Amino acid sequence: MRAPSRIFVLAVELFALKTGISFALDASWFPLVVESDSLMAVNMVNSVEDYLAPEGGLVEGVRCLIASHVPVTVSHVSRHANKAAHRIARFSLRDQSLSCRLDGGPLWLMDAVYDDRPESNGFG
């Protein structure tokens, strides 16, 4: 499925950051290190600049979550180092059910998480 525009894709990336950070903070997962392969979204969230574009409200929402809980870090990672997120996104396009796992994940996902480790992809 192709997104209609870059703005829509950026809004989805920011919404995913906001939702994921909110979930992790509600679960009291500290310290929280959030990685995204969307350099634009990471730069917008980490900047002090105000954004008047349509996605500006999402940027402010993420910033408020981060500011209210310490320590939270949002950083950029290469798409090549983000195989697990890519596999989850592909899976969610096929599977329309709502699910949440707090224990070990399915084998296909655990393999992707293992492959994403810095030691396994030459970044560590």
C-alpha atoms as a PDB file:
ATOM      1  CA  MET A   1       0.000   0.000   0.000  1.00  0.00           C
ATOM      2  CA  ARG A   2       1.447   3.343  -1.020  1.00  0.00           C
ATOM      3  CA  ALA A   3       0.926   6.483   1.089  1.00  0.00           C
ATOM      4  CA  PRO A   4      -0.619   9.409  -0.803  1.00  0.00           C
ATOM      5  CA  SER A   5       2.056  11.922   0.192  1.00  0.00           C
ATOM      6  CA  ARG A   6       5.189  12.495   2.230  1.00  0.00           C
ATOM      7  CA  ILE A   7       3.199  14.539   4.756  1.00  0.00           C
ATOM      8  CA  PHE A   8       0.958  11.550   5.424  1.00  0.00           C
ATOM      9  CA  VAL A   9       3.967   9.267   5.926  1.00  0.00           C
ATOM     10  CA  LEU A  10       5.571  11.775   8.314  1.00  0.00           C
ATOM     11  CA  ALA A  11       2.319  12.075  10.270  1.00  0.00           C
ATOM     12  CA  VAL A  12       2.151   8.280  10.595  1.00  0.00           C
ATOM     13  CA  GLU A  13       5.774   8.153  11.800  1.00  0.00           C
ATOM     14  CA  LEU A  14       5.072  10.861  14.405  1.00  0.00           C
ATOM     15  CA  PHE A  15       1.836   9.176  15.500  1.00  0.00           C
ATOM     16  CA  ALA A  16       3.699   5.881  15.916  1.00  0.00           C
ATOM     17  CA  LEU A  17       6.366   7.625  18.029  1.00  0.00           C
ATOM     18  CA  LYS A  18       3.706   9.250  20.210  1.00  0.00           C
ATOM     19  CA  THR A  19       1.720   6.046  20.660  1.00  0.00           C
ATOM     20  CA  GLY A  20       4.783   3.906  21.360  1.00  0.00           C
ATOM     21  CA  ILE A  21       6.292   6.364  23.834  1.00  0.00           C
ATOM     22  CA  SER A  22       2.954   6.749  25.627  1.00  0.00           C
ATOM     23  CA  PHE A  23       2.572   2.970  25.909  1.00  0.00           C
ATOM     24  CA  ALA A  24       6.131   2.506  27.203  1.00  0.00           C
ATOM     25  CA  LEU A  25       5.762   5.317  29.753  1.00  0.00           C
ATOM     26  CA  ASP A  26       2.439   3.928  30.993  1.00  0.00           C
ATOM     27  CA  ALA A  27       4.207   0.579  31.475  1.00  0.00           C
ATOM     28  CA  SER A  28       6.980   2.401  33.420  1.00  0.00           C
ATOM     29  CA  TRP A  29       9.770   1.238  31.134  1.00  0.00           C
ATOM     30  CA  PHE A  30      12.706   3.429  32.166  1.00  0.00           C
ATOM     31  CA  PRO A  31      15.126   4.491  30.882  1.00  0.00           C
ATOM     32  CA  LEU A  32      13.413   4.618  27.499  1.00  0.00           C
ATOM     33  CA  VAL A  33      15.455   4.671  24.294  1.00  0.00           C
ATOM     34  CA  VAL A  34      13.318   5.134  21.183  1.00  0.00           C
ATOM     35  CA  GLU A  35      14.805   4.503  17.748  1.00  0.00           C
ATOM     36  CA  SER A  36      13.230   5.502  14.449  1.00  0.00           C
ATOM     37  CA  ASP A  37      14.397   5.231  10.869  1.00  0.00           C
ATOM     38  CA  SER A  38      12.556   8.472  10.063  1.00  0.00           C
ATOM     39  CA  LEU A  39      15.290  11.085  10.299  1.00  0.00           C
ATOM     40  CA  MET A  40      12.799  13.893   9.680  1.00  0.00           C
ATOM     41  CA  ALA A  41      10.525  12.786  12.546  1.00  0.00           C
ATOM     42  CA  VAL A  42      13.477  12.388  14.942  1.00  0.00           C
ATOM     43  CA  ASN A  43      14.859  15.820  14.022  1.00  0.00           C
ATOM     44  CA  MET A  44      11.454  17.451  14.461  1.00  0.00           C
ATOM     45  CA  VAL A  45      10.923  15.873  17.889  1.00  0.00           C
ATOM     46  CA  ASN A  46      14.428  16.726  19.126  1.00  0.00           C
ATOM     47  CA  SER A  47      14.359  20.298  17.790  1.00  0.00           C
ATOM     48  CA  VAL A  48      13.168  23.313  19.788  1.00  0.00           C
ATOM     49  CA  GLU A  49      11.614  24.814  16.660  1.00  0.00           C
ATOM     50  CA  ASP A  50       7.836  25.290  16.457  1.00  0.00           C
ATOM     51  CA  TYR A  51       6.117  23.548  13.543  1.00  0.00           C
ATOM     52  CA  LEU A  52       3.040  25.153  12.046  1.00  0.00           C
ATOM     53  CA  ALA A  53       2.570  22.394   9.476  1.00  0.00           C
ATOM     54  CA  PRO A  54      -0.310  19.919   9.964  1.00  0.00           C
ATOM     55  CA  GLU A  55       1.924  17.448  11.800  1.00  0.00           C
ATOM     56  CA  GLY A  56       3.032  20.120  14.306  1.00  0.00           C
ATOM     57  CA  GLY A  57       0.448  18.952  16.842  1.00  0.00           C
ATOM     58  CA  LEU A  58       1.909  15.449  16.768  1.00  0.00           C
ATOM     59  CA  VAL A  59       5.414  16.849  17.267  1.00  0.00           C
ATOM     60  CA  GLU A  60       4.208  18.785  20.315  1.00  0.00           C
ATOM     61  CA  GLY A  61       2.463  15.690  21.671  1.00  0.00           C
ATOM     62  CA  VAL A  62       5.679  13.665  21.480  1.00  0.00           C
ATOM     63  CA  ARG A  63       7.690  16.500  23.027  1.00  0.00           C
ATOM     64  CA  CYS A  64       5.252  16.783  25.949  1.00  0.00           C
ATOM     65  CA  LEU A  65       5.520  13.068  26.656  1.00  0.00           C
ATOM     66  CA  ILE A  66       9.319  13.221  26.559  1.00  0.00           C
ATOM     67  CA  ALA A  67       9.499  16.330  28.735  1.00  0.00           C
ATOM     68  CA  SER A  68       7.251  14.833  31.406  1.00  0.00           C
ATOM     69  CA  HIS A  69       9.368  11.706  31.873  1.00  0.00           C
ATOM     70  CA  VAL A  70      13.096  11.421  32.294  1.00  0.00           C
ATOM     71  CA  PRO A  71      15.110   9.724  30.886  1.00  0.00           C
ATOM     72  CA  VAL A  72      13.664   9.371  27.384  1.00  0.00           C
ATOM     73  CA  THR A  73      15.891   9.497  24.304  1.00  0.00           C
ATOM     74  CA  VAL A  74      14.718   9.584  20.690  1.00  0.00           C
ATOM     75  CA  SER A  75      17.386   8.811  18.111  1.00  0.00           C
ATOM     76  CA  HIS A  76      17.724   7.935  14.452  1.00  0.00           C
ATOM     77  CA  VAL A  77      18.837   4.528  13.219  1.00  0.00           C
ATOM     78  CA  SER A  78      19.445   3.390   9.686  1.00  0.00           C
ATOM     79  CA  ARG A  79      16.604   1.548   8.014  1.00  0.00           C
ATOM     80  CA  HIS A  80      19.052  -1.338   7.580  1.00  0.00           C
ATOM     81  CA  ALA A  81      19.371  -1.569  11.370  1.00  0.00           C
ATOM     82  CA  ASN A  82      15.608  -1.601  11.837  1.00  0.00           C
ATOM     83  CA  LYS A  83      14.531  -4.965  10.405  1.00  0.00           C
ATOM     84  CA  ALA A  84      12.243  -5.771  13.328  1.00  0.00           C
ATOM     85  CA  ALA A  85      10.175  -2.617  12.843  1.00  0.00           C
ATOM     86  CA  HIS A  86       9.914  -3.296   9.121  1.00  0.00           C
ATOM     87  CA  ARG A  87       8.706  -6.854   9.723  1.00  0.00           C
ATOM     88  CA  ILE A  88       6.148  -5.676  12.293  1.00  0.00           C
ATOM     89  CA  ALA A  89       4.827  -3.062   9.842  1.00  0.00           C
ATOM     90  CA  ARG A  90       4.502  -5.648   7.061  1.00  0.00           C
ATOM     91  CA  PHE A  91       2.792  -8.086   9.430  1.00  0.00           C
ATOM     92  CA  SER A  92       0.320  -5.435  10.645  1.00  0.00           C
ATOM     93  CA  LEU A  93      -0.708  -4.653   7.062  1.00  0.00           C
ATOM     94  CA  ARG A  94      -1.729  -8.304   6.629  1.00  0.00           C
ATOM     95  CA  ASP A  95      -3.160  -8.976  10.109  1.00  0.00           C
ATOM     96  CA  GLN A  96      -5.945  -6.583  11.088  1.00  0.00           C
ATOM     97  CA  SER A  97      -6.377  -7.925  14.648  1.00  0.00           C
ATOM     98  CA  LEU A  98      -5.241  -5.949  17.674  1.00  0.00           C
ATOM     99  CA  SER A  99      -2.607  -7.662  19.763  1.00  0.00           C
ATOM    100  CA  CYS A 100      -0.041  -6.827  22.396  1.00  0.00           C
ATOM    101  CA  ARG A 101       2.649  -9.121  23.741  1.00  0.00           C
ATOM    102  CA  LEU A 102       4.715  -8.372  26.803  1.00  0.00           C
ATOM    103  CA  ASP A 103       6.497 -11.704  26.891  1.00  0.00           C
ATOM    104  CA  GLY A 104       8.639 -13.269  24.164  1.00  0.00           C
ATOM    105  CA  GLY A 105       7.468 -12.594  20.643  1.00  0.00           C
ATOM    106  CA  PRO A 106       6.832 -14.914  17.727  1.00  0.00           C
ATOM    107  CA  LEU A 107       9.890 -16.595  16.235  1.00  0.00           C
ATOM    108  CA  TRP A 108       9.870 -14.478  13.041  1.00  0.00           C
ATOM    109  CA  LEU A 109      10.010 -11.318  15.175  1.00  0.00           C
ATOM    110  CA  MET A 110      12.604 -12.600  17.629  1.00  0.00           C
ATOM    111  CA  ASP A 111      14.875 -13.473  14.683  1.00  0.00           C
ATOM    112  CA  ALA A 112      14.509  -9.908  13.377  1.00  0.00           C
ATOM    113  CA  VAL A 113      15.265  -8.433  16.808  1.00  0.00           C
ATOM    114  CA  TYR A 114      18.348 -10.638  17.051  1.00  0.00           C
ATOM    115  CA  ASP A 115      19.455  -9.497  13.580  1.00  0.00           C
ATOM    116  CA  ASP A 116      18.996  -5.831  14.603  1.00  0.00           C
ATOM    117  CA  ARG A 117      21.566  -6.072  17.407  1.00  0.00           C
ATOM    118  CA  PRO A 118      24.538  -3.762  16.745  1.00  0.00           C
ATOM    119  CA  GLU A 119      26.992  -6.681  16.955  1.00  0.00           C
ATOM    120  CA  SER A 120      25.182  -8.603  14.235  1.00  0.00           C
ATOM    121  CA  ASN A 121      25.023  -5.803  11.665  1.00  0.00           C
ATOM    122  CA  GLY A 122      28.509  -4.322  11.990  1.00  0.00           C
ATOM    123  CA  PHE A 123      27.529  -1.193  13.962  1.00  0.00           C
ATOM    124  CA  GLY A 124      28.809  -2.283  17.382  1.00  0.00           C
END
